[in-house]
Amino acid sequence: MKTNYYDYKLKLIEFSTFFQKQGMKYIGGEFSSEQLQWLAFIKEHLIQNLTLDKQAFNLIPILEIHGGLARARKVFGSSLDDLITEITLKITA
């Protein structure tokens, strides 16, 4: 079956709606209050963009205004790369 642009757009809208309701619930782990704030910023970014990489932290306003990649690295430490990978894998699954 061929997937056209409208099918793709509908799937994105369905995922966006799902993500708005579920948020970061499917990302495992325990987080500090500051990390939870950052996860909320990431969620807002993902609802509209459905993609996440390190470059987004310095380019996307919701992430950049809160300190960008440098601040995210301070908040999440060495686990930031793993978190980005986990989120990306969950989105594409």
PDB file of N, CA and C in Angstrom:
ATOM      1  N   MET A   1       0.846  -1.187   0.000  1.00  0.00           N
ATOM      2  CA  MET A   1       0.000   0.000   0.000  1.00  0.00           C
ATOM      3  C   MET A   1       0.886   1.243   0.000  1.00  0.00           C
ATOM      4  N   LYS A   2       0.594   2.161  -0.838  1.00  0.00           N
ATOM      5  CA  LYS A   2       1.361   3.393  -0.964  1.00  0.00           C
ATOM      6  C   LYS A   2       0.876   4.408   0.084  1.00  0.00           C
ATOM      7  N   THR A   3       1.817   5.036   0.745  1.00  0.00           N
ATOM      8  CA  THR A   3       1.488   6.071   1.713  1.00  0.00           C
ATOM      9  C   THR A   3       1.715   7.428   1.066  1.00  0.00           C
ATOM     10  N   ASN A   4       0.682   8.238   1.072  1.00  0.00           N
ATOM     11  CA  ASN A   4       0.836   9.568   0.487  1.00  0.00           C
ATOM     12  C   ASN A   4       1.041  10.614   1.576  1.00  0.00           C
ATOM     13  N   TYR A   5       1.229  11.818   1.156  1.00  0.00           N
ATOM     14  CA  TYR A   5       1.497  12.932   2.070  1.00  0.00           C
ATOM     15  C   TYR A   5       0.415  13.052   3.136  1.00  0.00           C
ATOM     16  N   TYR A   6      -0.834  12.905   2.749  1.00  0.00           N
ATOM     17  CA  TYR A   6      -1.927  13.089   3.703  1.00  0.00           C
ATOM     18  C   TYR A   6      -1.950  11.983   4.756  1.00  0.00           C
ATOM     19  N   ASP A   7      -1.611  10.751   4.356  1.00  0.00           N
ATOM     20  CA  ASP A   7      -1.508   9.665   5.326  1.00  0.00           C
ATOM     21  C   ASP A   7      -0.400   9.970   6.331  1.00  0.00           C
ATOM     22  N   TYR A   8       0.728  10.433   5.832  1.00  0.00           N
ATOM     23  CA  TYR A   8       1.871  10.764   6.681  1.00  0.00           C
ATOM     24  C   TYR A   8       1.505  11.880   7.644  1.00  0.00           C
ATOM     25  N   LYS A   9       0.860  12.912   7.136  1.00  0.00           N
ATOM     26  CA  LYS A   9       0.453  14.057   7.960  1.00  0.00           C
ATOM     27  C   LYS A   9      -0.525  13.602   9.049  1.00  0.00           C
ATOM     28  N   LEU A  10      -1.453  12.723   8.712  1.00  0.00           N
ATOM     29  CA  LEU A  10      -2.417  12.217   9.687  1.00  0.00           C
ATOM     30  C   LEU A  10      -1.696  11.449  10.795  1.00  0.00           C
ATOM     31  N   LYS A  11      -0.706  10.625  10.435  1.00  0.00           N
ATOM     32  CA  LYS A  11       0.049   9.886  11.438  1.00  0.00           C
ATOM     33  C   LYS A  11       0.804  10.830  12.361  1.00  0.00           C
ATOM     34  N   LEU A  12       1.354  11.903  11.821  1.00  0.00           N
ATOM     35  CA  LEU A  12       2.043  12.890  12.652  1.00  0.00           C
ATOM     36  C   LEU A  12       1.082  13.564  13.610  1.00  0.00           C
ATOM     37  N   ILE A  13      -0.102  13.900  13.123  1.00  0.00           N
ATOM     38  CA  ILE A  13      -1.103  14.539  13.974  1.00  0.00           C
ATOM     39  C   ILE A  13      -1.533  13.580  15.077  1.00  0.00           C
ATOM     40  N   GLU A  14      -1.730  12.306  14.724  1.00  0.00           N
ATOM     41  CA  GLU A  14      -2.111  11.323  15.729  1.00  0.00           C
ATOM     42  C   GLU A  14      -1.012  11.183  16.780  1.00  0.00           C
ATOM     43  N   PHE A  15       0.256  11.145  16.351  1.00  0.00           N
ATOM     44  CA  PHE A  15       1.345  11.033  17.312  1.00  0.00           C
ATOM     45  C   PHE A  15       1.421  12.275  18.183  1.00  0.00           C
ATOM     46  N   SER A  16       1.248  13.436  17.581  1.00  0.00           N
ATOM     47  CA  SER A  16       1.302  14.681  18.345  1.00  0.00           C
ATOM     48  C   SER A  16       0.229  14.683  19.431  1.00  0.00           C
ATOM     49  N   THR A  17      -0.970  14.249  19.096  1.00  0.00           N
ATOM     50  CA  THR A  17      -2.058  14.175  20.076  1.00  0.00           C
ATOM     51  C   THR A  17      -1.716  13.182  21.177  1.00  0.00           C
ATOM     52  N   PHE A  18      -1.202  12.020  20.797  1.00  0.00           N
ATOM     53  CA  PHE A  18      -0.783  11.013  21.770  1.00  0.00           C
ATOM     54  C   PHE A  18       0.283  11.586  22.695  1.00  0.00           C
ATOM     55  N   PHE A  19       1.261  12.260  22.109  1.00  0.00           N
ATOM     56  CA  PHE A  19       2.373  12.782  22.899  1.00  0.00           C
ATOM     57  C   PHE A  19       1.914  13.876  23.846  1.00  0.00           C
ATOM     58  N   GLN A  20       0.959  14.700  23.408  1.00  0.00           N
ATOM     59  CA  GLN A  20       0.433  15.729  24.300  1.00  0.00           C
ATOM     60  C   GLN A  20      -0.205  15.094  25.526  1.00  0.00           C
ATOM     61  N   LYS A  21      -0.888  13.963  25.338  1.00  0.00           N
ATOM     62  CA  LYS A  21      -1.554  13.296  26.455  1.00  0.00           C
ATOM     63  C   LYS A  21      -0.565  12.503  27.314  1.00  0.00           C
ATOM     64  N   GLN A  22       0.339  11.790  26.676  1.00  0.00           N
ATOM     65  CA  GLN A  22       1.238  10.900  27.394  1.00  0.00           C
ATOM     66  C   GLN A  22       2.522  11.581  27.860  1.00  0.00           C
ATOM     67  N   GLY A  23       2.961  12.579  27.109  1.00  0.00           N
ATOM     68  CA  GLY A  23       4.167  13.302  27.475  1.00  0.00           C
ATOM     69  C   GLY A  23       5.375  12.405  27.589  1.00  0.00           C
ATOM     70  N   MET A  24       6.140  12.595  28.634  1.00  0.00           N
ATOM     71  CA  MET A  24       7.372  11.848  28.835  1.00  0.00           C
ATOM     72  C   MET A  24       7.155  10.618  29.720  1.00  0.00           C
ATOM     73  N   LYS A  25       5.925  10.178  29.878  1.00  0.00           N
ATOM     74  CA  LYS A  25       5.652   9.032  30.744  1.00  0.00           C
ATOM     75  C   LYS A  25       6.391   7.780  30.294  1.00  0.00           C
ATOM     76  N   TYR A  26       6.638   7.661  29.011  1.00  0.00           N
ATOM     77  CA  TYR A  26       7.270   6.443  28.523  1.00  0.00           C
ATOM     78  C   TYR A  26       8.791   6.512  28.536  1.00  0.00           C
ATOM     79  N   ILE A  27       9.352   7.583  29.072  1.00  0.00           N
ATOM     80  CA  ILE A  27      10.801   7.677  29.274  1.00  0.00           C
ATOM     81  C   ILE A  27      11.075   7.244  30.709  1.00  0.00           C
ATOM     82  N   GLY A  28      11.866   6.220  30.868  1.00  0.00           N
ATOM     83  CA  GLY A  28      12.121   5.666  32.198  1.00  0.00           C
ATOM     84  C   GLY A  28      13.101   6.493  33.004  1.00  0.00           C
ATOM     85  N   GLY A  29      13.124   6.249  34.291  1.00  0.00           N
ATOM     86  CA  GLY A  29      14.103   6.894  35.149  1.00  0.00           C
ATOM     87  C   GLY A  29      13.471   7.814  36.172  1.00  0.00           C
ATOM     88  N   GLU A  30      14.288   8.213  37.118  1.00  0.00           N
ATOM     89  CA  GLU A  30      13.866   9.187  38.116  1.00  0.00           C
ATOM     90  C   GLU A  30      14.567  10.493  37.808  1.00  0.00           C
ATOM     91  N   PHE A  31      13.825  11.589  37.944  1.00  0.00           N
ATOM     92  CA  PHE A  31      14.344  12.889  37.547  1.00  0.00           C
ATOM     93  C   PHE A  31      14.179  13.902  38.666  1.00  0.00           C
ATOM     94  N   SER A  32      15.129  14.837  38.735  1.00  0.00           N
ATOM     95  CA  SER A  32      15.029  15.948  39.682  1.00  0.00           C
ATOM     96  C   SER A  32      13.970  16.922  39.173  1.00  0.00           C
ATOM     97  N   SER A  33      13.597  17.882  40.014  1.00  0.00           N
ATOM     98  CA  SER A  33      12.588  18.862  39.594  1.00  0.00           C
ATOM     99  C   SER A  33      13.081  19.687  38.401  1.00  0.00           C
ATOM    100  N   GLU A  34      14.369  20.027  38.391  1.00  0.00           N
ATOM    101  CA  GLU A  34      14.907  20.793  37.262  1.00  0.00           C
ATOM    102  C   GLU A  34      14.928  19.940  35.991  1.00  0.00           C
ATOM    103  N   GLN A  35      15.222  18.666  36.113  1.00  0.00           N
ATOM    104  CA  GLN A  35      15.194  17.783  34.954  1.00  0.00           C
ATOM    105  C   GLN A  35      13.760  17.634  34.439  1.00  0.00           C
ATOM    106  N   LEU A  36      12.793  17.567  35.338  1.00  0.00           N
ATOM    107  CA  LEU A  36      11.398  17.480  34.920  1.00  0.00           C
ATOM    108  C   LEU A  36      10.973  18.739  34.168  1.00  0.00           C
ATOM    109  N   GLN A  37      11.465  19.903  34.606  1.00  0.00           N
ATOM    110  CA  GLN A  37      11.183  21.136  33.868  1.00  0.00           C
ATOM    111  C   GLN A  37      11.737  21.036  32.454  1.00  0.00           C
ATOM    112  N   TRP A  38      12.963  20.565  32.334  1.00  0.00           N
ATOM    113  CA  TRP A  38      13.573  20.424  31.017  1.00  0.00           C
ATOM    114  C   TRP A  38      12.835  19.394  30.173  1.00  0.00           C
ATOM    115  N   LEU A  39      12.372  18.325  30.778  1.00  0.00           N
ATOM    116  CA  LEU A  39      11.589  17.344  30.025  1.00  0.00           C
ATOM    117  C   LEU A  39      10.292  17.968  29.512  1.00  0.00           C
ATOM    118  N   ALA A  40       9.716  18.889  30.267  1.00  0.00           N
ATOM    119  CA  ALA A  40       8.524  19.605  29.806  1.00  0.00           C
ATOM    120  C   ALA A  40       8.860  20.494  28.601  1.00  0.00           C
ATOM    121  N   PHE A  41      10.022  21.156  28.635  1.00  0.00           N
ATOM    122  CA  PHE A  41      10.450  21.966  27.483  1.00  0.00           C
ATOM    123  C   PHE A  41      10.658  21.069  26.261  1.00  0.00           C
ATOM    124  N   ILE A  42      11.287  19.927  26.476  1.00  0.00           N
ATOM    125  CA  ILE A  42      11.536  18.984  25.383  1.00  0.00           C
ATOM    126  C   ILE A  42      10.207  18.474  24.835  1.00  0.00           C
ATOM    127  N   LYS A  43       9.269  18.186  25.715  1.00  0.00           N
ATOM    128  CA  LYS A  43       7.944  17.731  25.279  1.00  0.00           C
ATOM    129  C   LYS A  43       7.290  18.775  24.381  1.00  0.00           C
ATOM    130  N   GLU A  44       7.325  20.040  24.786  1.00  0.00           N
ATOM    131  CA  GLU A  44       6.729  21.100  23.959  1.00  0.00           C
ATOM    132  C   GLU A  44       7.388  21.157  22.581  1.00  0.00           C
ATOM    133  N   HIS A  45       8.689  21.005  22.564  1.00  0.00           N
ATOM    134  CA  HIS A  45       9.407  20.978  21.288  1.00  0.00           C
ATOM    135  C   HIS A  45       8.952  19.789  20.440  1.00  0.00           C
ATOM    136  N   LEU A  46       8.843  18.620  21.053  1.00  0.00           N
ATOM    137  CA  LEU A  46       8.499  17.408  20.314  1.00  0.00           C
ATOM    138  C   LEU A  46       7.076  17.425  19.784  1.00  0.00           C
ATOM    139  N   ILE A  47       6.170  18.045  20.486  1.00  0.00           N
ATOM    140  CA  ILE A  47       4.780  18.124  20.026  1.00  0.00           C
ATOM    141  C   ILE A  47       4.716  18.798  18.664  1.00  0.00           C
ATOM    142  N   GLN A  48       5.539  19.790  18.452  1.00  0.00           N
ATOM    143  CA  GLN A  48       5.511  20.514  17.183  1.00  0.00           C
ATOM    144  C   GLN A  48       6.498  19.991  16.160  1.00  0.00           C
ATOM    145  N   ASN A  49       7.601  19.384  16.595  1.00  0.00           N
ATOM    146  CA  ASN A  49       8.667  19.033  15.663  1.00  0.00           C
ATOM    147  C   ASN A  49       8.907  17.540  15.483  1.00  0.00           C
ATOM    148  N   LEU A  50       8.529  16.739  16.464  1.00  0.00           N
ATOM    149  CA  LEU A  50       8.672  15.283  16.394  1.00  0.00           C
ATOM    150  C   LEU A  50      10.079  14.815  16.072  1.00  0.00           C
ATOM    151  N   THR A  51      11.061  15.584  16.461  1.00  0.00           N
ATOM    152  CA  THR A  51      12.458  15.192  16.294  1.00  0.00           C
ATOM    153  C   THR A  51      13.274  15.871  17.378  1.00  0.00           C
ATOM    154  N   LEU A  52      14.365  15.222  17.758  1.00  0.00           N
ATOM    155  CA  LEU A  52      15.218  15.803  18.782  1.00  0.00           C
ATOM    156  C   LEU A  52      16.657  15.406  18.520  1.00  0.00           C
ATOM    157  N   ASP A  53      17.525  16.387  18.517  1.00  0.00           N
ATOM    158  CA  ASP A  53      18.968  16.147  18.463  1.00  0.00           C
ATOM    159  C   ASP A  53      19.655  17.265  19.230  1.00  0.00           C
ATOM    160  N   LYS A  54      20.952  17.128  19.426  1.00  0.00           N
ATOM    161  CA  LYS A  54      21.683  18.112  20.231  1.00  0.00           C
ATOM    162  C   LYS A  54      21.623  19.513  19.626  1.00  0.00           C
ATOM    163  N   GLN A  55      21.589  19.605  18.310  1.00  0.00           N
ATOM    164  CA  GLN A  55      21.543  20.919  17.665  1.00  0.00           C
ATOM    165  C   GLN A  55      20.269  21.678  18.013  1.00  0.00           C
ATOM    166  N   ALA A  56      19.192  20.957  18.238  1.00  0.00           N
ATOM    167  CA  ALA A  56      17.912  21.599  18.547  1.00  0.00           C
ATOM    168  C   ALA A  56      17.997  22.447  19.814  1.00  0.00           C
ATOM    169  N   PHE A  57      18.837  22.061  20.745  1.00  0.00           N
ATOM    170  CA  PHE A  57      18.918  22.783  22.017  1.00  0.00           C
ATOM    171  C   PHE A  57      19.411  24.225  21.844  1.00  0.00           C
ATOM    172  N   ASN A  58      20.142  24.498  20.789  1.00  0.00           N
ATOM    173  CA  ASN A  58      20.619  25.859  20.540  1.00  0.00           C
ATOM    174  C   ASN A  58      19.859  26.557  19.415  1.00  0.00           C
ATOM    175  N   LEU A  59      18.943  25.856  18.773  1.00  0.00           N
ATOM    176  CA  LEU A  59      18.213  26.433  17.643  1.00  0.00           C
ATOM    177  C   LEU A  59      16.728  26.650  17.918  1.00  0.00           C
ATOM    178  N   ILE A  60      16.146  25.796  18.721  1.00  0.00           N
ATOM    179  CA  ILE A  60      14.703  25.857  18.971  1.00  0.00           C
ATOM    180  C   ILE A  60      14.450  26.780  20.162  1.00  0.00           C
ATOM    181  N   PRO A  61      13.602  27.800  19.974  1.00  0.00           N
ATOM    182  CA  PRO A  61      13.416  28.816  21.017  1.00  0.00           C
ATOM    183  C   PRO A  61      13.082  28.274  22.404  1.00  0.00           C
ATOM    184  N   ILE A  62      12.172  27.301  22.504  1.00  0.00           N
ATOM    185  CA  ILE A  62      11.779  26.805  23.833  1.00  0.00           C
ATOM    186  C   ILE A  62      12.968  26.211  24.584  1.00  0.00           C
ATOM    187  N   LEU A  63      13.930  25.667  23.875  1.00  0.00           N
ATOM    188  CA  LEU A  63      15.116  25.090  24.510  1.00  0.00           C
ATOM    189  C   LEU A  63      16.227  26.127  24.656  1.00  0.00           C
ATOM    190  N   GLU A  64      16.383  26.944  23.654  1.00  0.00           N
ATOM    191  CA  GLU A  64      17.460  27.938  23.637  1.00  0.00           C
ATOM    192  C   GLU A  64      17.271  29.003  24.715  1.00  0.00           C
ATOM    193  N   ILE A  65      16.043  29.453  24.940  1.00  0.00           N
ATOM    194  CA  ILE A  65      15.821  30.513  25.924  1.00  0.00           C
ATOM    195  C   ILE A  65      16.065  30.049  27.364  1.00  0.00           C
ATOM    196  N   HIS A  66      16.083  28.749  27.550  1.00  0.00           N
ATOM    197  CA  HIS A  66      16.345  28.215  28.885  1.00  0.00           C
ATOM    198  C   HIS A  66      17.798  27.789  29.069  1.00  0.00           C
ATOM    199  N   GLY A  67      18.650  28.210  28.142  1.00  0.00           N
ATOM    200  CA  GLY A  67      20.080  27.958  28.303  1.00  0.00           C
ATOM    201  C   GLY A  67      20.692  27.039  27.266  1.00  0.00           C
ATOM    202  N   GLY A  68      19.852  26.490  26.397  1.00  0.00           N
ATOM    203  CA  GLY A  68      20.378  25.684  25.300  1.00  0.00           C
ATOM    204  C   GLY A  68      21.096  24.416  25.739  1.00  0.00           C
ATOM    205  N   LEU A  69      21.961  23.959  24.865  1.00  0.00           N
ATOM    206  CA  LEU A  69      22.683  22.714  25.091  1.00  0.00           C
ATOM    207  C   LEU A  69      23.573  22.779  26.330  1.00  0.00           C
ATOM    208  N   ALA A  70      24.220  23.906  26.559  1.00  0.00           N
ATOM    209  CA  ALA A  70      25.112  24.029  27.720  1.00  0.00           C
ATOM    210  C   ALA A  70      24.338  23.815  29.022  1.00  0.00           C
ATOM    211  N   ARG A  71      23.174  24.433  29.133  1.00  0.00           N
ATOM    212  CA  ARG A  71      22.367  24.285  30.359  1.00  0.00           C
ATOM    213  C   ARG A  71      21.818  22.857  30.470  1.00  0.00           C
ATOM    214  N   ALA A  72      21.366  22.298  29.359  1.00  0.00           N
ATOM    215  CA  ALA A  72      20.845  20.930  29.377  1.00  0.00           C
ATOM    216  C   ALA A  72      21.930  19.955  29.828  1.00  0.00           C
ATOM    217  N   ARG A  73      23.156  20.185  29.394  1.00  0.00           N
ATOM    218  CA  ARG A  73      24.278  19.324  29.820  1.00  0.00           C
ATOM    219  C   ARG A  73      24.512  19.446  31.323  1.00  0.00           C
ATOM    220  N   LYS A  74      24.371  20.659  31.873  1.00  0.00           N
ATOM    221  CA  LYS A  74      24.536  20.834  33.323  1.00  0.00           C
ATOM    222  C   LYS A  74      23.409  20.143  34.086  1.00  0.00           C
ATOM    223  N   VAL A  75      22.200  20.209  33.545  1.00  0.00           N
ATOM    224  CA  VAL A  75      21.037  19.631  34.214  1.00  0.00           C
ATOM    225  C   VAL A  75      21.062  18.108  34.176  1.00  0.00           C
ATOM    226  N   PHE A  76      21.367  17.539  33.003  1.00  0.00           N
ATOM    227  CA  PHE A  76      21.318  16.084  32.836  1.00  0.00           C
ATOM    228  C   PHE A  76      22.686  15.405  32.939  1.00  0.00           C
ATOM    229  N   GLY A  77      23.742  16.202  32.900  1.00  0.00           N
ATOM    230  CA  GLY A  77      25.083  15.633  32.992  1.00  0.00           C
ATOM    231  C   GLY A  77      25.385  14.685  31.846  1.00  0.00           C
ATOM    232  N   SER A  78      26.115  13.635  32.147  1.00  0.00           N
ATOM    233  CA  SER A  78      26.541  12.700  31.108  1.00  0.00           C
ATOM    234  C   SER A  78      25.393  11.872  30.542  1.00  0.00           C
ATOM    235  N   SER A  79      24.234  11.920  31.169  1.00  0.00           N
ATOM    236  CA  SER A  79      23.098  11.131  30.672  1.00  0.00           C
ATOM    237  C   SER A  79      22.315  11.828  29.557  1.00  0.00           C
ATOM    238  N   LEU A  80      22.675  13.074  29.211  1.00  0.00           N
ATOM    239  CA  LEU A  80      21.924  13.798  28.187  1.00  0.00           C
ATOM    240  C   LEU A  80      21.935  13.058  26.850  1.00  0.00           C
ATOM    241  N   ASP A  81      23.098  12.608  26.414  1.00  0.00           N
ATOM    242  CA  ASP A  81      23.165  11.907  25.128  1.00  0.00           C
ATOM    243  C   ASP A  81      22.297  10.654  25.138  1.00  0.00           C
ATOM    244  N   ASP A  82      22.332   9.904  26.235  1.00  0.00           N
ATOM    245  CA  ASP A  82      21.502   8.699  26.339  1.00  0.00           C
ATOM    246  C   ASP A  82      20.019   9.054  26.340  1.00  0.00           C
ATOM    247  N   LEU A  83      19.667  10.151  27.000  1.00  0.00           N
ATOM    248  CA  LEU A  83      18.277  10.600  27.034  1.00  0.00           C
ATOM    249  C   LEU A  83      17.798  10.962  25.634  1.00  0.00           C
ATOM    250  N   ILE A  84      18.595  11.712  24.895  1.00  0.00           N
ATOM    251  CA  ILE A  84      18.234  12.093  23.524  1.00  0.00           C
ATOM    252  C   ILE A  84      18.050  10.839  22.674  1.00  0.00           C
ATOM    253  N   THR A  85      18.963   9.888  22.817  1.00  0.00           N
ATOM    254  CA  THR A  85      18.866   8.635  22.060  1.00  0.00           C
ATOM    255  C   THR A  85      17.598   7.879  22.432  1.00  0.00           C
ATOM    256  N   GLU A  86      17.299   7.781  23.718  1.00  0.00           N
ATOM    257  CA  GLU A  86      16.108   7.066  24.164  1.00  0.00           C
ATOM    258  C   GLU A  86      14.836   7.719  23.640  1.00  0.00           C
ATOM    259  N   ILE A  87      14.760   9.037  23.721  1.00  0.00           N
ATOM    260  CA  ILE A  87      13.584   9.750  23.214  1.00  0.00           C
ATOM    261  C   ILE A  87      13.444   9.512  21.717  1.00  0.00           C
ATOM    262  N   THR A  88      14.537   9.626  20.988  1.00  0.00           N
ATOM    263  CA  THR A  88      14.501   9.434  19.534  1.00  0.00           C
ATOM    264  C   THR A  88      14.037   8.023  19.179  1.00  0.00           C
ATOM    265  N   LEU A  89      14.538   7.029  19.891  1.00  0.00           N
ATOM    266  CA  LEU A  89      14.137   5.646  19.627  1.00  0.00           C
ATOM    267  C   LEU A  89      12.654   5.432  19.931  1.00  0.00           C
ATOM    268  N   LYS A  90      12.165   6.026  21.011  1.00  0.00           N
ATOM    269  CA  LYS A  90      10.751   5.877  21.358  1.00  0.00           C
ATOM    270  C   LYS A  90       9.855   6.556  20.324  1.00  0.00           C
ATOM    271  N   ILE A  91      10.277   7.697  19.811  1.00  0.00           N
ATOM    272  CA  ILE A  91       9.485   8.415  18.817  1.00  0.00           C
ATOM    273  C   ILE A  91       9.398   7.624  17.516  1.00  0.00           C
ATOM    274  N   THR A  92      10.495   7.021  17.128  1.00  0.00           N
ATOM    275  CA  THR A  92      10.538   6.335  15.835  1.00  0.00           C
ATOM    276  C   THR A  92      10.044   4.896  15.898  1.00  0.00           C
ATOM    277  N   ALA A  93       9.756   4.403  17.094  1.00  0.00           N
ATOM    278  CA  ALA A  93       9.295   3.012  17.222  1.00  0.00           C
ATOM    279  C   ALA A  93       7.898   2.830  16.690  1.00  0.00           C
TER     280      ALA A  93
END
